[in-house]
Amino acid sequence: GGGLVQAGGSLRLSCAASGRTLNFYNM
């Protein structure tokens, strides 16, 4: 979700977790 944006703009970053995600609730 990263990229180039002008000041004042918006971006949404995403993080996909896989494998051992036992600590998913501490991100």
PDB file of all heavy atoms in Angstrom:
ATOM      1  N   GLY A   1       0.772  -1.228   0.000  1.00  0.00           N
ATOM      2  CA  GLY A   1       0.000   0.000   0.000  1.00  0.00           C
ATOM      3  C   GLY A   1       0.803   1.277   0.000  1.00  0.00           C
ATOM      4  O   GLY A   1       0.226   2.365  -0.094  1.00  0.00           O
ATOM      5  N   GLY A   2       2.111   1.171   0.105  1.00  0.00           N
ATOM      6  CA  GLY A   2       2.934   2.364   0.073  1.00  0.00           C
ATOM      7  C   GLY A   2       2.963   2.972  -1.318  1.00  0.00           C
ATOM      8  O   GLY A   2       2.493   2.389  -2.289  1.00  0.00           O
ATOM      9  N   GLY A   3       3.529   4.159  -1.395  1.00  0.00           N
ATOM     10  CA  GLY A   3       3.622   4.832  -2.671  1.00  0.00           C
ATOM     11  C   GLY A   3       3.965   6.290  -2.503  1.00  0.00           C
ATOM     12  O   GLY A   3       4.360   6.730  -1.428  1.00  0.00           O
ATOM     13  N   LEU A   4       3.817   7.027  -3.585  1.00  0.00           N
ATOM     14  CA  LEU A   4       4.095   8.456  -3.608  1.00  0.00           C
ATOM     15  C   LEU A   4       2.781   9.215  -3.556  1.00  0.00           C
ATOM     16  O   LEU A   4       1.860   8.941  -4.331  1.00  0.00           O
ATOM     17  CB  LEU A   4       4.865   8.822  -4.884  1.00  0.00           C
ATOM     18  CG  LEU A   4       5.141  10.301  -5.129  1.00  0.00           C
ATOM     19  CD1 LEU A   4       6.050  10.860  -4.038  1.00  0.00           C
ATOM     20  CD2 LEU A   4       5.763  10.485  -6.504  1.00  0.00           C
ATOM     21  N   VAL A   5       2.704  10.171  -2.648  1.00  0.00           N
ATOM     22  CA  VAL A   5       1.487  10.951  -2.489  1.00  0.00           C
ATOM     23  C   VAL A   5       1.854  12.392  -2.160  1.00  0.00           C
ATOM     24  O   VAL A   5       2.900  12.647  -1.558  1.00  0.00           O
ATOM     25  CB  VAL A   5       0.588  10.341  -1.388  1.00  0.00           C
ATOM     26  CG1 VAL A   5       1.279  10.421  -0.031  1.00  0.00           C
ATOM     27  CG2 VAL A   5      -0.772  11.004  -1.349  1.00  0.00           C
ATOM     28  N   GLN A   6       1.011  13.324  -2.566  1.00  0.00           N
ATOM     29  CA  GLN A   6       1.237  14.720  -2.237  1.00  0.00           C
ATOM     30  C   GLN A   6       0.835  15.005  -0.797  1.00  0.00           C
ATOM     31  O   GLN A   6      -0.005  14.322  -0.224  1.00  0.00           O
ATOM     32  CB  GLN A   6       0.435  15.633  -3.165  1.00  0.00           C
ATOM     33  CG  GLN A   6       0.946  15.703  -4.580  1.00  0.00           C
ATOM     34  CD  GLN A   6       0.233  16.742  -5.408  1.00  0.00           C
ATOM     35  OE1 GLN A   6      -0.224  16.469  -6.504  1.00  0.00           O
ATOM     36  NE2 GLN A   6       0.134  17.959  -4.867  1.00  0.00           N
ATOM     37  N   ALA A   7       1.459  16.010  -0.224  1.00  0.00           N
ATOM     38  CA  ALA A   7       1.089  16.436   1.120  1.00  0.00           C
ATOM     39  C   ALA A   7      -0.408  16.696   1.182  1.00  0.00           C
ATOM     40  O   ALA A   7      -0.991  17.292   0.275  1.00  0.00           O
ATOM     41  CB  ALA A   7       1.866  17.683   1.517  1.00  0.00           C
ATOM     42  N   GLY A   8      -1.008  16.233   2.255  1.00  0.00           N
ATOM     43  CA  GLY A   8      -2.439  16.365   2.425  1.00  0.00           C
ATOM     44  C   GLY A   8      -3.223  15.169   1.936  1.00  0.00           C
ATOM     45  O   GLY A   8      -4.416  15.045   2.235  1.00  0.00           O
ATOM     46  N   GLY A   9      -2.565  14.288   1.217  1.00  0.00           N
ATOM     47  CA  GLY A   9      -3.220  13.115   0.684  1.00  0.00           C
ATOM     48  C   GLY A   9      -3.303  11.985   1.687  1.00  0.00           C
ATOM     49  O   GLY A   9      -2.903  12.119   2.842  1.00  0.00           O
ATOM     50  N   SER A  10      -3.810  10.853   1.215  1.00  0.00           N
ATOM     51  CA  SER A  10      -4.029   9.699   2.078  1.00  0.00           C
ATOM     52  C   SER A  10      -3.494   8.427   1.446  1.00  0.00           C
ATOM     53  O   SER A  10      -3.433   8.300   0.224  1.00  0.00           O
ATOM     54  CB  SER A  10      -5.523   9.509   2.352  1.00  0.00           C
ATOM     55  OG  SER A  10      -6.080  10.620   3.026  1.00  0.00           O
ATOM     56  N   LEU A  11      -3.119   7.497   2.293  1.00  0.00           N
ATOM     57  CA  LEU A  11      -2.737   6.157   1.887  1.00  0.00           C
ATOM     58  C   LEU A  11      -3.225   5.185   2.942  1.00  0.00           C
ATOM     59  O   LEU A  11      -3.324   5.542   4.118  1.00  0.00           O
ATOM     60  CB  LEU A  11      -1.220   6.003   1.753  1.00  0.00           C
ATOM     61  CG  LEU A  11      -0.519   6.612   0.546  1.00  0.00           C
ATOM     62  CD1 LEU A  11       0.993   6.494   0.730  1.00  0.00           C
ATOM     63  CD2 LEU A  11      -0.947   5.923  -0.737  1.00  0.00           C
ATOM     64  N   ARG A  12      -3.513   3.972   2.531  1.00  0.00           N
ATOM     65  CA  ARG A  12      -3.819   2.912   3.478  1.00  0.00           C
ATOM     66  C   ARG A  12      -2.819   1.787   3.301  1.00  0.00           C
ATOM     67  O   ARG A  12      -2.730   1.187   2.228  1.00  0.00           O
ATOM     68  CB  ARG A  12      -5.235   2.366   3.298  1.00  0.00           C
ATOM     69  CG  ARG A  12      -5.622   1.398   4.430  1.00  0.00           C
ATOM     70  CD  ARG A  12      -6.991   0.785   4.260  1.00  0.00           C
ATOM     71  NE  ARG A  12      -7.012  -0.254   3.240  1.00  0.00           N
ATOM     72  CZ  ARG A  12      -7.927  -1.214   3.172  1.00  0.00           C
ATOM     73  NH1 ARG A  12      -8.913  -1.256   4.067  1.00  0.00           N
ATOM     74  NH2 ARG A  12      -7.877  -2.110   2.205  1.00  0.00           N
ATOM     75  N   LEU A  13      -2.073   1.516   4.352  1.00  0.00           N
ATOM     76  CA  LEU A  13      -1.135   0.418   4.352  1.00  0.00           C
ATOM     77  C   LEU A  13      -1.817  -0.837   4.877  1.00  0.00           C
ATOM     78  O   LEU A  13      -2.648  -0.770   5.780  1.00  0.00           O
ATOM     79  CB  LEU A  13       0.077   0.731   5.224  1.00  0.00           C
ATOM     80  CG  LEU A  13       0.828   2.026   4.916  1.00  0.00           C
ATOM     81  CD1 LEU A  13       2.063   2.127   5.798  1.00  0.00           C
ATOM     82  CD2 LEU A  13       1.202   2.105   3.444  1.00  0.00           C
ATOM     83  N   SER A  14      -1.436  -1.970   4.315  1.00  0.00           N
ATOM     84  CA  SER A  14      -1.969  -3.247   4.751  1.00  0.00           C
ATOM     85  C   SER A  14      -0.832  -4.160   5.161  1.00  0.00           C
ATOM     86  O   SER A  14       0.261  -4.096   4.609  1.00  0.00           O
ATOM     87  CB  SER A  14      -2.770  -3.916   3.627  1.00  0.00           C
ATOM     88  OG  SER A  14      -3.883  -3.135   3.251  1.00  0.00           O
ATOM     89  N   CYS A  15      -1.100  -5.013   6.126  1.00  0.00           N
ATOM     90  CA  CYS A  15      -0.140  -6.004   6.582  1.00  0.00           C
ATOM     91  C   CYS A  15      -0.845  -7.340   6.667  1.00  0.00           C
ATOM     92  O   CYS A  15      -1.809  -7.489   7.431  1.00  0.00           O
ATOM     93  CB  CYS A  15       0.433  -5.614   7.946  1.00  0.00           C
ATOM     94  SG  CYS A  15       1.468  -6.888   8.716  1.00  0.00           S
ATOM     95  N   ALA A  16      -0.380  -8.297   5.900  1.00  0.00           N
ATOM     96  CA  ALA A  16      -0.937  -9.637   5.914  1.00  0.00           C
ATOM     97  C   ALA A  16      -0.050 -10.534   6.767  1.00  0.00           C
ATOM     98  O   ALA A  16       1.144 -10.653   6.508  1.00  0.00           O
ATOM     99  CB  ALA A  16      -1.041 -10.189   4.498  1.00  0.00           C
ATOM    100  N   ALA A  17      -0.631 -11.144   7.783  1.00  0.00           N
ATOM    101  CA  ALA A  17       0.093 -12.034   8.678  1.00  0.00           C
ATOM    102  C   ALA A  17      -0.267 -13.477   8.364  1.00  0.00           C
ATOM    103  O   ALA A  17      -1.438 -13.813   8.192  1.00  0.00           O
ATOM    104  CB  ALA A  17      -0.229 -11.719  10.134  1.00  0.00           C
ATOM    105  N   SER A  18       0.740 -14.317   8.290  1.00  0.00           N
ATOM    106  CA  SER A  18       0.513 -15.729   8.029  1.00  0.00           C
ATOM    107  C   SER A  18       1.500 -16.555   8.835  1.00  0.00           C
ATOM    108  O   SER A  18       2.426 -16.028   9.446  1.00  0.00           O
ATOM    109  CB  SER A  18       0.643 -16.039   6.538  1.00  0.00           C
ATOM    110  OG  SER A  18       1.944 -15.735   6.064  1.00  0.00           O
ATOM    111  N   GLY A  19       1.306 -17.871   8.828  1.00  0.00           N
ATOM    112  CA  GLY A  19       2.161 -18.740   9.612  1.00  0.00           C
ATOM    113  C   GLY A  19       1.744 -18.738  11.069  1.00  0.00           C
ATOM    114  O   GLY A  19       0.563 -18.837  11.382  1.00  0.00           O
ATOM    115  N   ARG A  20       2.717 -18.605  11.957  1.00  0.00           N
ATOM    116  CA  ARG A  20       2.459 -18.583  13.390  1.00  0.00           C
ATOM    117  C   ARG A  20       2.001 -17.196  13.799  1.00  0.00           C
ATOM    118  O   ARG A  20       2.822 -16.305  14.019  1.00  0.00           O
ATOM    119  CB  ARG A  20       3.699 -18.997  14.167  1.00  0.00           C
ATOM    120  CG  ARG A  20       4.118 -20.441  13.932  1.00  0.00           C
ATOM    121  CD  ARG A  20       5.394 -20.777  14.686  1.00  0.00           C
ATOM    122  NE  ARG A  20       5.246 -20.603  16.119  1.00  0.00           N
ATOM    123  CZ  ARG A  20       4.774 -21.518  16.948  1.00  0.00           C
ATOM    124  NH1 ARG A  20       4.396 -22.704  16.478  1.00  0.00           N
ATOM    125  NH2 ARG A  20       4.678 -21.271  18.238  1.00  0.00           N
ATOM    126  N   THR A  21       0.698 -17.045  13.925  1.00  0.00           N
ATOM    127  CA  THR A  21       0.114 -15.741  14.241  1.00  0.00           C
ATOM    128  C   THR A  21      -0.485 -15.717  15.638  1.00  0.00           C
ATOM    129  O   THR A  21      -1.481 -15.038  15.881  1.00  0.00           O
ATOM    130  CB  THR A  21      -0.954 -15.362  13.201  1.00  0.00           C
ATOM    131  OG1 THR A  21      -1.994 -16.350  13.196  1.00  0.00           O
ATOM    132  CG2 THR A  21      -0.337 -15.256  11.823  1.00  0.00           C
ATOM    133  N   LEU A  22       0.135 -16.427  16.565  1.00  0.00           N
ATOM    134  CA  LEU A  22      -0.385 -16.508  17.927  1.00  0.00           C
ATOM    135  C   LEU A  22      -0.406 -15.156  18.624  1.00  0.00           C
ATOM    136  O   LEU A  22      -1.181 -14.948  19.551  1.00  0.00           O
ATOM    137  CB  LEU A  22       0.430 -17.508  18.747  1.00  0.00           C
ATOM    138  CG  LEU A  22       0.390 -18.960  18.279  1.00  0.00           C
ATOM    139  CD1 LEU A  22       1.253 -19.825  19.184  1.00  0.00           C
ATOM    140  CD2 LEU A  22      -1.035 -19.481  18.242  1.00  0.00           C
ATOM    141  N   ASN A  23       0.465 -14.246  18.198  1.00  0.00           N
ATOM    142  CA  ASN A  23       0.531 -12.918  18.789  1.00  0.00           C
ATOM    143  C   ASN A  23      -0.105 -11.865  17.893  1.00  0.00           C
ATOM    144  O   ASN A  23       0.266 -10.697  17.935  1.00  0.00           O
ATOM    145  CB  ASN A  23       1.978 -12.538  19.087  1.00  0.00           C
ATOM    146  CG  ASN A  23       2.606 -13.414  20.136  1.00  0.00           C
ATOM    147  OD1 ASN A  23       3.637 -14.039  19.895  1.00  0.00           O
ATOM    148  ND2 ASN A  23       1.978 -13.472  21.306  1.00  0.00           N
ATOM    149  N   PHE A  24      -1.063 -12.287  17.088  1.00  0.00           N
ATOM    150  CA  PHE A  24      -1.713 -11.360  16.177  1.00  0.00           C
ATOM    151  C   PHE A  24      -2.361 -10.201  16.918  1.00  0.00           C
ATOM    152  O   PHE A  24      -2.470  -9.099  16.375  1.00  0.00           O
ATOM    153  CB  PHE A  24      -2.760 -12.080  15.331  1.00  0.00           C
ATOM    154  CG  PHE A  24      -3.502 -11.161  14.402  1.00  0.00           C
ATOM    155  CD1 PHE A  24      -2.913 -10.691  13.246  1.00  0.00           C
ATOM    156  CD2 PHE A  24      -4.801 -10.747  14.699  1.00  0.00           C
ATOM    157  CE1 PHE A  24      -3.591  -9.840  12.386  1.00  0.00           C
ATOM    158  CE2 PHE A  24      -5.484  -9.896  13.840  1.00  0.00           C
ATOM    159  CZ  PHE A  24      -4.880  -9.444  12.685  1.00  0.00           C
ATOM    160  N   TYR A  25      -2.769 -10.448  18.152  1.00  0.00           N
ATOM    161  CA  TYR A  25      -3.455  -9.402  18.911  1.00  0.00           C
ATOM    162  C   TYR A  25      -2.488  -8.496  19.662  1.00  0.00           C
ATOM    163  O   TYR A  25      -2.856  -7.860  20.646  1.00  0.00           O
ATOM    164  CB  TYR A  25      -4.502 -10.035  19.828  1.00  0.00           C
ATOM    165  CG  TYR A  25      -5.612 -10.644  19.026  1.00  0.00           C
ATOM    166  CD1 TYR A  25      -5.653 -12.014  18.775  1.00  0.00           C
ATOM    167  CD2 TYR A  25      -6.603  -9.848  18.467  1.00  0.00           C
ATOM    168  CE1 TYR A  25      -6.656 -12.567  17.999  1.00  0.00           C
ATOM    169  CE2 TYR A  25      -7.608 -10.397  17.681  1.00  0.00           C
ATOM    170  CZ  TYR A  25      -7.635 -11.750  17.457  1.00  0.00           C
ATOM    171  OH  TYR A  25      -8.635 -12.295  16.680  1.00  0.00           O
ATOM    172  N   ASN A  26      -1.293  -8.417  19.192  1.00  0.00           N
ATOM    173  CA  ASN A  26      -0.301  -7.450  19.641  1.00  0.00           C
ATOM    174  C   ASN A  26       0.514  -7.047  18.417  1.00  0.00           C
ATOM    175  O   ASN A  26       1.579  -7.595  18.151  1.00  0.00           O
ATOM    176  CB  ASN A  26       0.590  -8.033  20.727  1.00  0.00           C
ATOM    177  CG  ASN A  26       1.557  -7.011  21.286  1.00  0.00           C
ATOM    178  OD1 ASN A  26       1.466  -5.820  21.000  1.00  0.00           O
ATOM    179  ND2 ASN A  26       2.504  -7.485  22.090  1.00  0.00           N
ATOM    180  N   MET A  27      -0.014  -6.111  17.669  1.00  0.00           N
ATOM    181  CA  MET A  27       0.569  -5.706  16.399  1.00  0.00           C
ATOM    182  C   MET A  27       0.885  -4.215  16.418  1.00  0.00           C
ATOM    183  O   MET A  27       0.224  -3.435  17.101  1.00  0.00           O
ATOM    184  CB  MET A  27      -0.388  -5.999  15.243  1.00  0.00           C
ATOM    185  CG  MET A  27      -0.832  -7.447  15.147  1.00  0.00           C
ATOM    186  SD  MET A  27       0.496  -8.555  14.590  1.00  0.00           S
ATOM    187  CE  MET A  27       0.724  -7.966  12.909  1.00  0.00           C
TER     188      MET A  27
END
